PDB file of N, CA and C in Angstrom:
ATOM      1  N   MET A   1       0.818  -1.201   0.000  1.00  0.00           N
ATOM      2  CA  MET A   1       0.000   0.000   0.000  1.00  0.00           C
ATOM      3  C   MET A   1       0.855   1.255   0.000  1.00  0.00           C
ATOM      4  N   SER A   2       2.084   1.182   0.522  1.00  0.00           N
ATOM      5  CA  SER A   2       2.930   2.367   0.560  1.00  0.00           C
ATOM      6  C   SER A   2       3.215   2.906  -0.837  1.00  0.00           C
ATOM      7  N   ASN A   3       3.140   2.052  -1.865  1.00  0.00           N
ATOM      8  CA  ASN A   3       3.347   2.503  -3.237  1.00  0.00           C
ATOM      9  C   ASN A   3       2.213   3.428  -3.676  1.00  0.00           C
ATOM     10  N   ASN A   4       1.056   3.275  -3.029  1.00  0.00           N
ATOM     11  CA  ASN A   4      -0.109   4.048  -3.415  1.00  0.00           C
ATOM     12  C   ASN A   4      -0.165   5.410  -2.746  1.00  0.00           C
ATOM     13  N   LEU A   5       0.691   5.645  -1.768  1.00  0.00           N
ATOM     14  CA  LEU A   5       0.728   6.936  -1.080  1.00  0.00           C
ATOM     15  C   LEU A   5       2.022   7.656  -1.434  1.00  0.00           C
ATOM     16  N   LEU A   6       1.878   8.873  -1.924  1.00  0.00           N
ATOM     17  CA  LEU A   6       3.035   9.661  -2.351  1.00  0.00           C
ATOM     18  C   LEU A   6       3.267  10.821  -1.392  1.00  0.00           C
ATOM     19  N   THR A   7       4.526  11.183  -1.214  1.00  0.00           N
ATOM     20  CA  THR A   7       4.857  12.337  -0.389  1.00  0.00           C
ATOM     21  C   THR A   7       4.591  13.624  -1.167  1.00  0.00           C
ATOM     22  N   VAL A   8       4.586  14.721  -0.455  1.00  0.00           N
ATOM     23  CA  VAL A   8       4.420  16.036  -1.095  1.00  0.00           C
ATOM     24  C   VAL A   8       5.539  16.259  -2.106  1.00  0.00           C
ATOM     25  N   SER A   9       6.754  15.897  -1.745  1.00  0.00           N
ATOM     26  CA  SER A   9       7.894  16.082  -2.650  1.00  0.00           C
ATOM     27  C   SER A   9       7.757  15.253  -3.920  1.00  0.00           C
ATOM     28  N   GLU A  10       7.288  14.016  -3.779  1.00  0.00           N
ATOM     29  CA  GLU A  10       7.104  13.158  -4.955  1.00  0.00           C
ATOM     30  C   GLU A  10       6.052  13.743  -5.893  1.00  0.00           C
ATOM     31  N   VAL A  11       4.952  14.198  -5.337  1.00  0.00           N
ATOM     32  CA  VAL A  11       3.883  14.797  -6.145  1.00  0.00           C
ATOM     33  C   VAL A  11       4.384  16.073  -6.814  1.00  0.00           C
ATOM     34  N   ALA A  12       5.113  16.885  -6.065  1.00  0.00           N
ATOM     35  CA  ALA A  12       5.658  18.127  -6.634  1.00  0.00           C
ATOM     36  C   ALA A  12       6.586  17.831  -7.803  1.00  0.00           C
ATOM     37  N   ARG A  13       7.415  16.827  -7.664  1.00  0.00           N
ATOM     38  CA  ARG A  13       8.337  16.459  -8.736  1.00  0.00           C
ATOM     39  C   ARG A  13       7.569  15.983  -9.975  1.00  0.00           C
ATOM     40  N   ILE A  14       6.546  15.165  -9.778  1.00  0.00           N
ATOM     41  CA  ILE A  14       5.742  14.652 -10.889  1.00  0.00           C
ATOM     42  C   ILE A  14       5.010  15.789 -11.605  1.00  0.00           C
ATOM     43  N   LEU A  15       4.455  16.731 -10.828  1.00  0.00           N
ATOM     44  CA  LEU A  15       3.692  17.835 -11.411  1.00  0.00           C
ATOM     45  C   LEU A  15       4.578  19.017 -11.827  1.00  0.00           C
ATOM     46  N   ARG A  16       5.867  18.916 -11.485  1.00  0.00           N
ATOM     47  CA  ARG A  16       6.837  19.971 -11.799  1.00  0.00           C
ATOM     48  C   ARG A  16       6.450  21.316 -11.178  1.00  0.00           C
ATOM     49  N   VAL A  17       6.125  21.248  -9.884  1.00  0.00           N
ATOM     50  CA  VAL A  17       5.820  22.443  -9.108  1.00  0.00           C
ATOM     51  C   VAL A  17       6.600  22.366  -7.806  1.00  0.00           C
ATOM     52  N   ASP A  18       6.553  23.423  -7.041  1.00  0.00           N
ATOM     53  CA  ASP A  18       7.227  23.477  -5.744  1.00  0.00           C
ATOM     54  C   ASP A  18       6.409  22.729  -4.691  1.00  0.00           C
ATOM     55  N   ASP A  19       7.079  22.227  -3.662  1.00  0.00           N
ATOM     56  CA  ASP A  19       6.388  21.560  -2.549  1.00  0.00           C
ATOM     57  C   ASP A  19       5.307  22.461  -1.951  1.00  0.00           C
ATOM     58  N   ALA A  20       5.607  23.752  -1.834  1.00  0.00           N
ATOM     59  CA  ALA A  20       4.652  24.699  -1.247  1.00  0.00           C
ATOM     60  C   ALA A  20       3.372  24.767  -2.075  1.00  0.00           C
ATOM     61  N   THR A  21       3.485  24.620  -3.375  1.00  0.00           N
ATOM     62  CA  THR A  21       2.311  24.637  -4.244  1.00  0.00           C
ATOM     63  C   THR A  21       1.433  23.427  -3.966  1.00  0.00           C
ATOM     64  N   VAL A  22       2.047  22.269  -3.814  1.00  0.00           N
ATOM     65  CA  VAL A  22       1.280  21.055  -3.502  1.00  0.00           C
ATOM     66  C   VAL A  22       0.589  21.209  -2.153  1.00  0.00           C
ATOM     67  N   ARG A  23       1.305  21.729  -1.166  1.00  0.00           N
ATOM     68  CA  ARG A  23       0.698  21.944   0.161  1.00  0.00           C
ATOM     69  C   ARG A  23      -0.477  22.920   0.077  1.00  0.00           C
ATOM     70  N   ARG A  24      -0.321  23.964  -0.716  1.00  0.00           N
ATOM     71  CA  ARG A  24      -1.398  24.947  -0.884  1.00  0.00           C
ATOM     72  C   ARG A  24      -2.618  24.289  -1.535  1.00  0.00           C
ATOM     73  N   TRP A  25      -2.383  23.471  -2.570  1.00  0.00           N
ATOM     74  CA  TRP A  25      -3.492  22.784  -3.231  1.00  0.00           C
ATOM     75  C   TRP A  25      -4.220  21.859  -2.269  1.00  0.00           C
ATOM     76  N   VAL A  26      -3.479  21.191  -1.378  1.00  0.00           N
ATOM     77  CA  VAL A  26      -4.103  20.319  -0.385  1.00  0.00           C
ATOM     78  C   VAL A  26      -4.971  21.159   0.552  1.00  0.00           C
ATOM     79  N   LYS A  27      -4.428  22.268   1.045  1.00  0.00           N
ATOM     80  CA  LYS A  27      -5.178  23.128   1.964  1.00  0.00           C
ATOM     81  C   LYS A  27      -6.411  23.732   1.306  1.00  0.00           C
ATOM     82  N   GLN A  28      -6.327  24.005  -0.006  1.00  0.00           N
ATOM     83  CA  GLN A  28      -7.455  24.574  -0.745  1.00  0.00           C
ATOM     84  C   GLN A  28      -8.467  23.514  -1.184  1.00  0.00           C
ATOM     85  N   GLY A  29      -8.124  22.247  -0.994  1.00  0.00           N
ATOM     86  CA  GLY A  29      -9.030  21.179  -1.374  1.00  0.00           C
ATOM     87  C   GLY A  29      -8.915  20.751  -2.828  1.00  0.00           C
ATOM     88  N   VAL A  30      -7.927  21.278  -3.545  1.00  0.00           N
ATOM     89  CA  VAL A  30      -7.712  20.905  -4.945  1.00  0.00           C
ATOM     90  C   VAL A  30      -7.188  19.476  -5.034  1.00  0.00           C
ATOM     91  N   LEU A  31      -6.286  19.118  -4.112  1.00  0.00           N
ATOM     92  CA  LEU A  31      -5.751  17.761  -4.020  1.00  0.00           C
ATOM     93  C   LEU A  31      -6.227  17.141  -2.714  1.00  0.00           C
ATOM     94  N   GLU A  32      -6.776  15.955  -2.803  1.00  0.00           N
ATOM     95  CA  GLU A  32      -7.185  15.230  -1.604  1.00  0.00           C
ATOM     96  C   GLU A  32      -5.954  14.557  -1.009  1.00  0.00           C
ATOM     97  N   ALA A  33      -5.795  14.673   0.300  1.00  0.00           N
ATOM     98  CA  ALA A  33      -4.616  14.096   0.945  1.00  0.00           C
ATOM     99  C   ALA A  33      -4.985  13.449   2.268  1.00  0.00           C
ATOM    100  N   VAL A  34      -4.160  12.514   2.671  1.00  0.00           N
ATOM    101  CA  VAL A  34      -4.272  11.888   3.982  1.00  0.00           C
ATOM    102  C   VAL A  34      -3.352  12.670   4.909  1.00  0.00           C
ATOM    103  N   VAL A  35      -3.877  13.093   6.059  1.00  0.00           N
ATOM    104  CA  VAL A  35      -3.063  13.821   7.036  1.00  0.00           C
ATOM    105  C   VAL A  35      -2.552  12.803   8.052  1.00  0.00           C
ATOM    106  N   LEU A  36      -1.238  12.713   8.162  1.00  0.00           N
ATOM    107  CA  LEU A  36      -0.625  11.774   9.090  1.00  0.00           C
ATOM    108  C   LEU A  36      -0.399  12.432  10.448  1.00  0.00           C
ATOM    109  N   PRO A  37      -0.389  11.615  11.506  1.00  0.00           N
ATOM    110  CA  PRO A  37      -0.040  12.166  12.821  1.00  0.00           C
ATOM    111  C   PRO A  37       1.371  12.757  12.742  1.00  0.00           C
ATOM    112  N   HIS A  38       1.574  13.885  13.394  1.00  0.00           N
ATOM    113  CA  HIS A  38       2.879  14.542  13.318  1.00  0.00           C
ATOM    114  C   HIS A  38       3.249  15.180  14.647  1.00  0.00           C
ATOM    115  N   VAL A  39       4.533  15.382  14.835  1.00  0.00           N
ATOM    116  CA  VAL A  39       5.058  15.970  16.067  1.00  0.00           C
ATOM    117  C   VAL A  39       5.358  17.443  15.848  1.00  0.00           C
ATOM    118  N   HIS A  40       5.849  17.780  14.675  1.00  0.00           N
ATOM    119  CA  HIS A  40       6.254  19.150  14.381  1.00  0.00           C
ATOM    120  C   HIS A  40       5.055  19.995  13.982  1.00  0.00           C
ATOM    121  N   SER A  41       5.270  21.280  13.786  1.00  0.00           N
ATOM    122  CA  SER A  41       4.173  22.190  13.466  1.00  0.00           C
ATOM    123  C   SER A  41       3.654  22.015  12.043  1.00  0.00           C
ATOM    124  N   ARG A  42       4.476  21.511  11.146  1.00  0.00           N
ATOM    125  CA  ARG A  42       4.063  21.348   9.747  1.00  0.00           C
ATOM    126  C   ARG A  42       3.242  20.069   9.581  1.00  0.00           C
ATOM    127  N   GLN A  43       2.104  20.197   8.879  1.00  0.00           N
ATOM    128  CA  GLN A  43       1.269  19.035   8.588  1.00  0.00           C
ATOM    129  C   GLN A  43       2.038  18.053   7.708  1.00  0.00           C
ATOM    130  N   VAL A  44       1.816  16.775   7.907  1.00  0.00           N
ATOM    131  CA  VAL A  44       2.435  15.742   7.090  1.00  0.00           C
ATOM    132  C   VAL A  44       1.329  15.130   6.239  1.00  0.00           C
ATOM    133  N   TYR A  45       1.481  15.258   4.924  1.00  0.00           N
ATOM    134  CA  TYR A  45       0.470  14.774   3.991  1.00  0.00           C
ATOM    135  C   TYR A  45       0.997  13.614   3.165  1.00  0.00           C
ATOM    136  N   ARG A  46       0.074  12.761   2.731  1.00  0.00           N
ATOM    137  CA  ARG A  46       0.346  11.747   1.720  1.00  0.00           C
ATOM    138  C   ARG A  46      -0.807  11.839   0.720  1.00  0.00           C
ATOM    139  N   ILE A  47      -0.458  11.817  -0.547  1.00  0.00           N
ATOM    140  CA  ILE A  47      -1.452  11.913  -1.609  1.00  0.00           C
ATOM    141  C   ILE A  47      -1.560  10.545  -2.262  1.00  0.00           C
ATOM    142  N   LYS A  48      -2.795  10.080  -2.408  1.00  0.00           N
ATOM    143  CA  LYS A  48      -3.020   8.784  -3.043  1.00  0.00           C
ATOM    144  C   LYS A  48      -2.651   8.869  -4.516  1.00  0.00           C
ATOM    145  N   ARG A  49      -2.033   7.812  -5.018  1.00  0.00           N
ATOM    146  CA  ARG A  49      -1.656   7.767  -6.428  1.00  0.00           C
ATOM    147  C   ARG A  49      -2.885   7.932  -7.312  1.00  0.00           C
ATOM    148  N   GLU A  50      -4.012   7.359  -6.933  1.00  0.00           N
ATOM    149  CA  GLU A  50      -5.235   7.475  -7.744  1.00  0.00           C
ATOM    150  C   GLU A  50      -5.718   8.924  -7.803  1.00  0.00           C
ATOM    151  N   THR A  51      -5.520   9.680  -6.729  1.00  0.00           N
ATOM    152  CA  THR A  51      -5.869  11.103  -6.739  1.00  0.00           C
ATOM    153  C   THR A  51      -4.982  11.853  -7.725  1.00  0.00           C
ATOM    154  N   LEU A  52      -3.692  11.563  -7.696  1.00  0.00           N
ATOM    155  CA  LEU A  52      -2.767  12.209  -8.619  1.00  0.00           C
ATOM    156  C   LEU A  52      -3.091  11.842 -10.064  1.00  0.00           C
ATOM    157  N   ASP A  53      -3.398  10.575 -10.309  1.00  0.00           N
ATOM    158  CA  ASP A  53      -3.753  10.134 -11.657  1.00  0.00           C
ATOM    159  C   ASP A  53      -4.993  10.869 -12.156  1.00  0.00           C
ATOM    160  N   ARG A  54      -5.947  11.077 -11.262  1.00  0.00           N
ATOM    161  CA  ARG A  54      -7.169  11.804 -11.623  1.00  0.00           C
ATOM    162  C   ARG A  54      -6.848  13.257 -11.967  1.00  0.00           C
ATOM    163  N   VAL A  55      -5.988  13.882 -11.171  1.00  0.00           N
ATOM    164  CA  VAL A  55      -5.596  15.275 -11.410  1.00  0.00           C
ATOM    165  C   VAL A  55      -4.850  15.398 -12.732  1.00  0.00           C
ATOM    166  N   LEU A  56      -3.986  14.427 -13.008  1.00  0.00           N
ATOM    167  CA  LEU A  56      -3.228  14.469 -14.267  1.00  0.00           C
ATOM    168  C   LEU A  56      -4.146  14.338 -15.478  1.00  0.00           C
ATOM    169  N   GLY A  57      -5.317  13.747 -15.278  1.00  0.00           N
ATOM    170  CA  GLY A  57      -6.274  13.624 -16.368  1.00  0.00           C
ATOM    171  C   GLY A  57      -7.089  14.877 -16.586  1.00  0.00           C
ATOM    172  N   GLU A  58      -7.030  15.809 -15.624  1.00  0.00           N
ATOM    173  CA  GLU A  58      -7.765  17.077 -15.716  1.00  0.00           C
ATOM    174  C   GLU A  58      -6.791  18.180 -16.095  1.00  0.00           C
ATOM    175  N   SER A  59      -7.310  19.231 -16.718  1.00  0.00           N
ATOM    176  CA  SER A  59      -6.437  20.321 -17.134  1.00  0.00           C
ATOM    177  C   SER A  59      -6.707  21.624 -16.404  1.00  0.00           C
ATOM    178  N   ASP A  60      -7.645  21.639 -15.442  1.00  0.00           N
ATOM    179  CA  ASP A  60      -8.026  22.902 -14.812  1.00  0.00           C
ATOM    180  C   ASP A  60      -7.339  23.158 -13.479  1.00  0.00           C
ATOM    181  N   ILE A  61      -6.261  22.445 -13.139  1.00  0.00           N
ATOM    182  CA  ILE A  61      -5.498  22.717 -11.914  1.00  0.00           C
ATOM    183  C   ILE A  61      -4.490  23.821 -12.208  1.00  0.00           C
ATOM    184  N   GLN A  62      -4.510  24.873 -11.405  1.00  0.00           N
ATOM    185  CA  GLN A  62      -3.598  26.009 -11.639  1.00  0.00           C
ATOM    186  C   GLN A  62      -3.088  26.556 -10.365  1.00  0.00           C
TER     187      GLN A  62
END
């Protein structure tokens, strides 16, 4: 199952955007993400591969 969950950095690399852009899209609800338990102040997200595949099929993400 770990293959199906991507880090913010992995998604950013695939979409050719900055990590901050991916985080912003998650916060705005553009990308659906799983929020993992975390110790630090920054949220830890994982994006499902199927969510990314769906986004790649759409052209209205900006």
